Amino acid sequence: MLYDCAIIGGGPAGLNAALVLGRSRKKAVLFDDDNGRNLVTREAHGFITRDGVCPEELKRLGREEIRKYGSVQTENERVVQINRVSETHYELTTTSGKVFHSIKIIIAAGLKEELPNVPDIEKFYGTSLFSCPYCDGWEMRDQPLAVIADKKVFTLAKEVYTWSRDLAVFTNGEGRLEEEQKQKLIAKGIKVYEDPISGLEGENGQLQSVRLEDGTLIDRSAGFVTPLWSHATNFAKELGCKQSEHGGILTDDYGRTNVWNVYAAGDASLIVPSQLVIAAGEGSAAAIGVCGDLINEYFDDM
């Protein structure tokens, strides 16, 4: 079977792309190995009509809606290889060895994260430590918050200040704060700690304090960190897609990359800002790009 479009990634971008393609009567296959980086998050915010929804519930609802459109197939597998077949289509191979053929591809696999080098940080991430203040700042407003970052620490601290004036910034001995930046933070009453962090204190994912290398404990109830982000797959690089200045897959307004019949959507193309609602919109735009190109190609062949 030759699909009109194969969608790699079953997050908001991939799901919305599948929805639009299904409603456009296009044959599509959605690949999702259920390994998204937001699985650690209990609640997702900033998505109109779904504010506070569990990401897994959002995915369940999305899949349920897509099932109404019989031309969309979902495969709970990971694509491991993509090859261009002559001048007609692509061949995709999954971990189980299944082979699929598709005219067009949407890369919507998102990003993977590397958390700051802090012992036990993963025990708190997604419960009381988060990466996006626009997504989770409201729930932690006016609390004593930690900002843990080795890169872009000044930018993150300024953003978090919107939700709480009780801030402590930790560069963990690795981050860089210019003296002028440091003085600006201190002038706003923000405490700055540049020593390495030896651990985090708390129970059941709830942060209670940050422990410095010299044993000093700084009471904090929650906070924000800046993970290092990289692409969840190497397909864009392997296929020759250009990157934007932020490291995302470079696309036009309808998700088209510089590579023949390859599109991208969501965090994979945007990098920042990273929100579910933005990713979903990106998926919709890419699907419209795919449909529009298929329509034009059909009439151009006549």
Protein backbone atom coordinates (compact mmCIF):
# COMPACT_ATOMS: atom_id res chain seq x y z
CA MET A 1 0.00 0.00 0.00
CA LEU A 2 1.24 3.46 -0.88
CA TYR A 3 0.29 6.10 1.67
CA ASP A 4 -0.11 9.76 0.85
CA CYS A 5 1.75 10.72 4.02
CA ALA A 6 3.66 9.06 6.85
CA ILE A 7 3.75 10.96 10.13
CA ILE A 8 6.66 10.25 12.46
CA GLY A 9 5.69 11.15 16.02
CA GLY A 10 2.37 10.90 17.85
CA GLY A 11 2.46 14.00 20.02
CA PRO A 12 0.21 17.05 19.48
CA ALA A 13 1.88 17.95 16.16
CA GLY A 14 1.60 14.45 14.74
CA LEU A 15 -1.91 13.90 16.04
CA ASN A 16 -3.22 17.16 14.63
CA ALA A 17 -1.54 16.46 11.31
CA ALA A 18 -3.23 13.06 11.23
CA LEU A 19 -6.58 14.64 12.05
CA VAL A 20 -6.36 17.15 9.21
CA LEU A 21 -5.15 14.51 6.75
CA GLY A 22 -7.96 12.16 7.74
CA ARG A 23 -10.56 14.88 7.30
CA SER A 24 -9.00 15.58 3.89
CA ARG A 25 -9.51 11.94 2.84
CA LYS A 26 -5.81 11.27 2.55
CA LYS A 27 -4.26 7.88 3.28
CA ALA A 28 -1.93 8.45 6.21
CA VAL A 29 0.00 6.34 8.70
CA LEU A 30 0.99 7.69 12.12
CA PHE A 31 4.00 6.18 13.90
CA ASP A 32 4.20 6.58 17.67
CA ASP A 33 6.48 4.61 20.01
CA ASP A 34 4.92 6.39 23.01
CA ASN A 35 8.21 7.84 24.25
CA GLY A 36 7.48 11.57 24.29
CA ARG A 37 9.39 13.83 26.66
CA ASN A 38 6.18 15.12 28.27
CA LEU A 39 5.35 11.69 29.71
CA VAL A 40 6.92 12.85 32.99
CA THR A 41 4.39 15.69 33.18
CA ARG A 42 1.19 15.17 35.14
CA GLU A 43 -0.59 18.22 33.77
CA ALA A 44 -0.24 20.22 30.55
CA HIS A 45 -1.26 23.87 30.53
CA GLY A 46 -1.93 26.68 28.08
CA PHE A 47 -4.04 24.54 25.72
CA ILE A 48 -7.48 26.14 25.36
CA THR A 49 -10.33 23.81 26.50
CA ARG A 50 -7.71 21.36 27.82
CA ASP A 51 -5.87 23.45 30.42
CA GLY A 52 -4.50 21.06 33.06
CA VAL A 53 -5.06 17.90 31.03
CA CYS A 54 -2.74 14.95 31.54
CA PRO A 55 -0.61 14.52 28.37
CA GLU A 56 -1.55 10.84 28.19
CA GLU A 57 -5.24 11.77 28.31
CA LEU A 58 -4.71 14.33 25.56
CA LYS A 59 -3.11 11.65 23.43
CA ARG A 60 -5.97 9.23 24.16
CA LEU A 61 -8.55 11.82 23.13
CA GLY A 62 -6.59 12.64 19.98
CA ARG A 63 -6.35 9.04 18.91
CA GLU A 64 -10.04 8.53 19.62
CA GLU A 65 -10.94 11.42 17.33
CA ILE A 66 -8.62 10.21 14.57
CA ARG A 67 -10.24 6.76 14.57
CA LYS A 68 -13.36 8.33 13.07
CA TYR A 69 -11.44 8.79 9.83
CA GLY A 70 -10.81 5.41 8.25
CA SER A 71 -8.02 6.57 5.97
CA VAL A 72 -5.64 7.11 8.92
CA GLN A 73 -3.74 4.15 10.36
CA THR A 74 -1.81 4.21 13.65
CA GLU A 75 1.30 2.09 14.23
CA ASN A 76 2.67 1.82 17.78
CA GLU A 77 6.20 1.46 16.50
CA ARG A 78 9.37 3.45 16.01
CA VAL A 79 10.66 4.16 12.53
CA VAL A 80 14.36 3.31 12.34
CA GLN A 81 15.16 3.90 8.68
CA ILE A 82 13.90 6.03 5.80
CA ASN A 83 15.03 5.52 2.21
CA ARG A 84 13.96 7.39 -0.89
CA VAL A 85 12.65 5.04 -3.55
CA SER A 86 13.44 6.42 -6.98
CA GLU A 87 11.48 9.57 -7.88
CA THR A 88 8.18 8.37 -6.49
CA HIS A 89 8.12 7.85 -2.74
CA TYR A 90 9.89 6.91 0.50
CA GLU A 91 10.31 3.54 2.20
CA LEU A 92 10.10 3.46 5.99
CA THR A 93 11.25 0.54 8.15
CA THR A 94 10.20 0.06 11.80
CA THR A 95 11.90 -1.66 14.73
CA SER A 96 9.90 -4.83 14.08
CA GLY A 97 10.99 -4.94 10.44
CA LYS A 98 7.72 -3.77 8.94
CA VAL A 99 8.08 -1.75 5.75
CA PHE A 100 5.79 1.09 4.71
CA HIS A 101 5.72 3.20 1.56
CA SER A 102 4.63 6.84 1.48
CA ILE A 103 4.73 9.72 -0.96
CA LYS A 104 5.30 12.34 1.70
CA ILE A 105 6.68 12.43 5.26
CA ILE A 106 6.00 14.72 8.19
CA ILE A 107 8.70 14.66 10.87
CA ALA A 108 6.95 15.44 14.15
CA ALA A 109 9.00 13.35 16.56
CA GLY A 110 9.81 16.30 18.81
CA LEU A 111 12.84 16.56 21.06
CA LYS A 112 14.68 14.64 23.74
CA GLU A 113 16.09 16.23 26.88
CA GLU A 114 19.31 16.11 28.87
CA LEU A 115 18.72 17.53 32.34
CA PRO A 116 21.29 19.69 34.17
CA ASN A 117 24.09 17.81 35.92
CA VAL A 118 22.46 17.70 39.36
CA PRO A 119 22.22 14.46 41.41
CA ASP A 120 18.67 13.03 41.60
CA ILE A 121 17.17 15.84 39.53
CA GLU A 122 15.11 13.33 37.54
CA LYS A 123 13.19 12.44 40.74
CA PHE A 124 11.73 15.95 40.83
CA TYR A 125 11.44 16.76 37.14
CA GLY A 126 7.84 16.90 35.99
CA THR A 127 6.50 17.11 39.56
CA SER A 128 8.04 20.18 41.17
CA LEU A 129 10.79 21.08 38.68
CA PHE A 130 9.81 22.10 35.14
CA SER A 131 11.34 23.64 32.04
CA CYS A 132 8.65 26.08 30.86
CA PRO A 133 7.37 28.85 33.16
CA TYR A 134 4.61 29.67 30.68
CA CYS A 135 3.35 26.10 31.04
CA ASP A 136 3.72 25.67 34.82
CA GLY A 137 4.49 29.05 36.39
CA TRP A 138 0.92 29.77 37.48
CA GLU A 139 0.77 26.67 39.67
CA MET A 140 3.92 27.80 41.53
CA ARG A 141 3.16 31.51 41.78
CA ASP A 142 4.54 33.34 44.84
CA GLN A 143 6.39 30.25 46.09
CA PRO A 144 10.13 30.14 46.94
CA LEU A 145 11.46 28.95 43.61
CA ALA A 146 14.80 27.69 42.32
CA VAL A 147 16.17 28.46 38.87
CA ILE A 148 18.76 25.83 37.98
CA ALA A 149 20.56 26.39 34.70
CA ASP A 150 24.00 26.36 33.18
CA LYS A 151 22.91 28.06 29.96
CA LYS A 152 20.46 30.92 29.46
CA VAL A 153 20.18 31.22 33.23
CA PHE A 154 19.70 34.99 33.09
CA THR A 155 16.85 34.73 30.58
CA LEU A 156 15.09 32.01 32.57
CA ALA A 157 15.45 33.91 35.85
CA LYS A 158 13.90 37.02 34.33
CA GLU A 159 10.97 35.00 33.02
CA VAL A 160 10.31 33.17 36.29
CA TYR A 161 10.34 36.51 38.15
CA THR A 162 6.94 37.12 36.52
CA TRP A 163 5.41 34.43 38.74
CA SER A 164 7.41 34.78 41.95
CA ARG A 165 9.66 37.39 43.52
CA ASP A 166 11.16 34.79 45.88
CA LEU A 167 13.84 33.41 43.58
CA ALA A 168 17.19 31.73 44.04
CA VAL A 169 19.36 31.23 40.97
CA PHE A 170 21.80 28.30 40.86
CA THR A 171 24.46 28.15 38.14
CA ASN A 172 25.76 24.84 39.56
CA GLY A 173 29.38 25.82 39.05
CA GLU A 174 28.91 25.43 35.31
CA GLY A 175 26.66 28.26 34.20
CA ARG A 176 27.80 31.65 33.09
CA LEU A 177 26.47 34.90 34.48
CA GLU A 178 28.03 38.12 33.36
CA GLU A 179 28.77 40.45 36.27
CA GLU A 180 26.25 42.95 34.93
CA GLN A 181 23.59 40.24 34.74
CA LYS A 182 24.37 39.07 38.25
CA GLN A 183 24.04 42.58 39.63
CA LYS A 184 20.71 43.07 37.89
CA LEU A 185 19.36 39.92 39.53
CA ILE A 186 20.64 40.90 42.96
CA ALA A 187 19.12 44.35 42.58
CA LYS A 188 15.73 42.68 42.20
CA GLY A 189 16.24 40.72 45.39
CA ILE A 190 17.11 37.49 43.59
CA LYS A 191 19.70 35.36 45.38
CA VAL A 192 22.51 33.98 43.24
CA TYR A 193 24.46 30.80 44.10
CA GLU A 194 27.35 29.86 41.83
CA ASP A 195 28.69 26.84 43.76
CA PRO A 196 28.05 23.30 42.50
CA ILE A 197 24.87 21.57 43.68
CA SER A 198 25.52 18.31 45.53
CA GLY A 199 21.89 17.21 45.73
CA LEU A 200 18.18 18.00 46.06
CA GLU A 201 16.12 17.33 49.17
CA GLY A 202 12.45 16.32 49.16
CA GLU A 203 10.00 13.43 49.05
CA ASN A 204 7.71 11.95 46.40
CA GLY A 205 8.95 14.37 43.79
CA GLN A 206 8.23 17.44 45.89
CA LEU A 207 11.29 19.67 46.26
CA GLN A 208 12.08 20.99 49.73
CA SER A 209 15.61 22.36 49.45
CA VAL A 210 18.73 22.59 47.31
CA ARG A 211 21.98 21.36 48.87
CA LEU A 212 25.24 23.00 47.81
CA GLU A 213 28.62 21.32 47.75
CA ASP A 214 29.61 22.85 51.10
CA GLY A 215 26.47 21.41 52.74
CA THR A 216 24.45 24.63 52.73
CA LEU A 217 20.70 24.02 52.35
CA ILE A 218 18.52 26.60 50.59
CA ASP A 219 14.82 26.04 51.13
CA ARG A 220 12.89 25.91 47.84
CA SER A 221 9.49 24.36 47.13
CA ALA A 222 9.70 24.13 43.32
CA GLY A 223 11.53 25.59 40.37
CA PHE A 224 12.62 25.61 36.77
CA VAL A 225 15.56 24.15 34.88
CA THR A 226 16.95 24.44 31.36
CA PRO A 227 17.51 21.04 29.77
CA LEU A 228 19.68 20.58 26.72
CA TRP A 229 17.41 19.69 23.81
CA SER A 230 18.25 17.59 20.79
CA HIS A 231 16.19 15.98 18.05
CA ALA A 232 14.45 12.73 19.00
CA THR A 233 15.44 11.26 15.62
CA ASN A 234 18.28 11.84 13.15
CA PHE A 235 16.05 11.65 10.09
CA ALA A 236 16.17 15.35 9.30
CA LYS A 237 19.97 15.32 9.25
CA GLU A 238 20.17 12.05 7.35
CA LEU A 239 17.74 13.29 4.70
CA GLY A 240 19.57 16.60 4.34
CA CYS A 241 17.09 19.03 5.90
CA LYS A 242 18.47 22.46 6.69
CA GLN A 243 18.37 23.81 10.25
CA SER A 244 17.17 27.14 11.60
CA GLU A 245 19.30 29.40 13.80
CA HIS A 246 17.79 27.71 16.87
CA GLY A 247 18.69 24.22 15.62
CA GLY A 248 15.19 23.28 14.48
CA ILE A 249 14.30 21.88 11.09
CA LEU A 250 13.96 24.83 8.75
CA THR A 251 10.49 25.00 7.14
CA ASP A 252 8.19 27.42 5.40
CA ASP A 253 4.78 28.38 6.80
CA TYR A 254 3.31 25.04 5.70
CA GLY A 255 5.98 22.76 7.10
CA ARG A 256 7.88 22.23 3.86
CA THR A 257 11.61 21.58 4.28
CA ASN A 258 14.25 21.96 1.59
CA VAL A 259 14.09 18.19 0.94
CA TRP A 260 11.70 16.70 -1.61
CA ASN A 261 8.36 15.68 -0.03
CA VAL A 262 9.66 16.03 3.55
CA TYR A 263 7.80 18.26 6.02
CA ALA A 264 8.34 19.01 9.69
CA ALA A 265 6.13 20.24 12.51
CA GLY A 266 6.07 20.89 16.25
CA ASP A 267 9.08 21.09 18.53
CA ALA A 268 11.26 19.42 15.89
CA SER A 269 11.00 22.51 13.73
CA LEU A 270 10.34 25.27 16.25
CA ILE A 271 12.57 24.26 19.19
CA VAL A 272 11.27 27.39 20.99
CA PRO A 273 8.67 28.28 22.06
CA SER A 274 7.76 24.77 23.09
CA GLN A 275 4.08 24.34 23.94
CA LEU A 276 1.46 21.72 23.12
CA VAL A 277 -0.93 24.17 21.52
CA ILE A 278 1.79 25.60 19.27
CA ALA A 279 2.92 22.13 18.24
CA ALA A 280 -0.66 21.17 17.39
CA GLY A 281 -1.01 24.24 15.18
CA GLU A 282 2.25 23.39 13.46
CA GLY A 283 0.93 19.90 12.73
CA SER A 284 -2.22 21.32 11.20
CA ALA A 285 -0.23 23.69 8.97
CA ALA A 286 2.07 20.90 7.78
CA ALA A 287 -0.90 18.68 6.94
CA ILE A 288 -2.47 21.49 4.93
CA GLY A 289 0.87 21.88 3.13
CA VAL A 290 0.90 18.16 2.33
CA CYS A 291 -2.71 18.23 1.07
CA GLY A 292 -2.19 21.33 -1.02
CA ASP A 293 0.91 19.87 -2.67
CA LEU A 294 -0.84 16.55 -3.38
CA ILE A 295 -3.73 18.41 -4.98
CA ASN A 296 -1.43 20.50 -7.17
CA GLU A 297 0.62 17.46 -8.17
CA TYR A 298 -2.52 15.56 -9.15
CA PHE A 299 -3.68 18.31 -11.49
CA ASP A 300 -0.19 18.99 -12.85
CA ASP A 301 0.06 15.35 -13.98
CA MET A 302 -3.04 15.62 -16.17
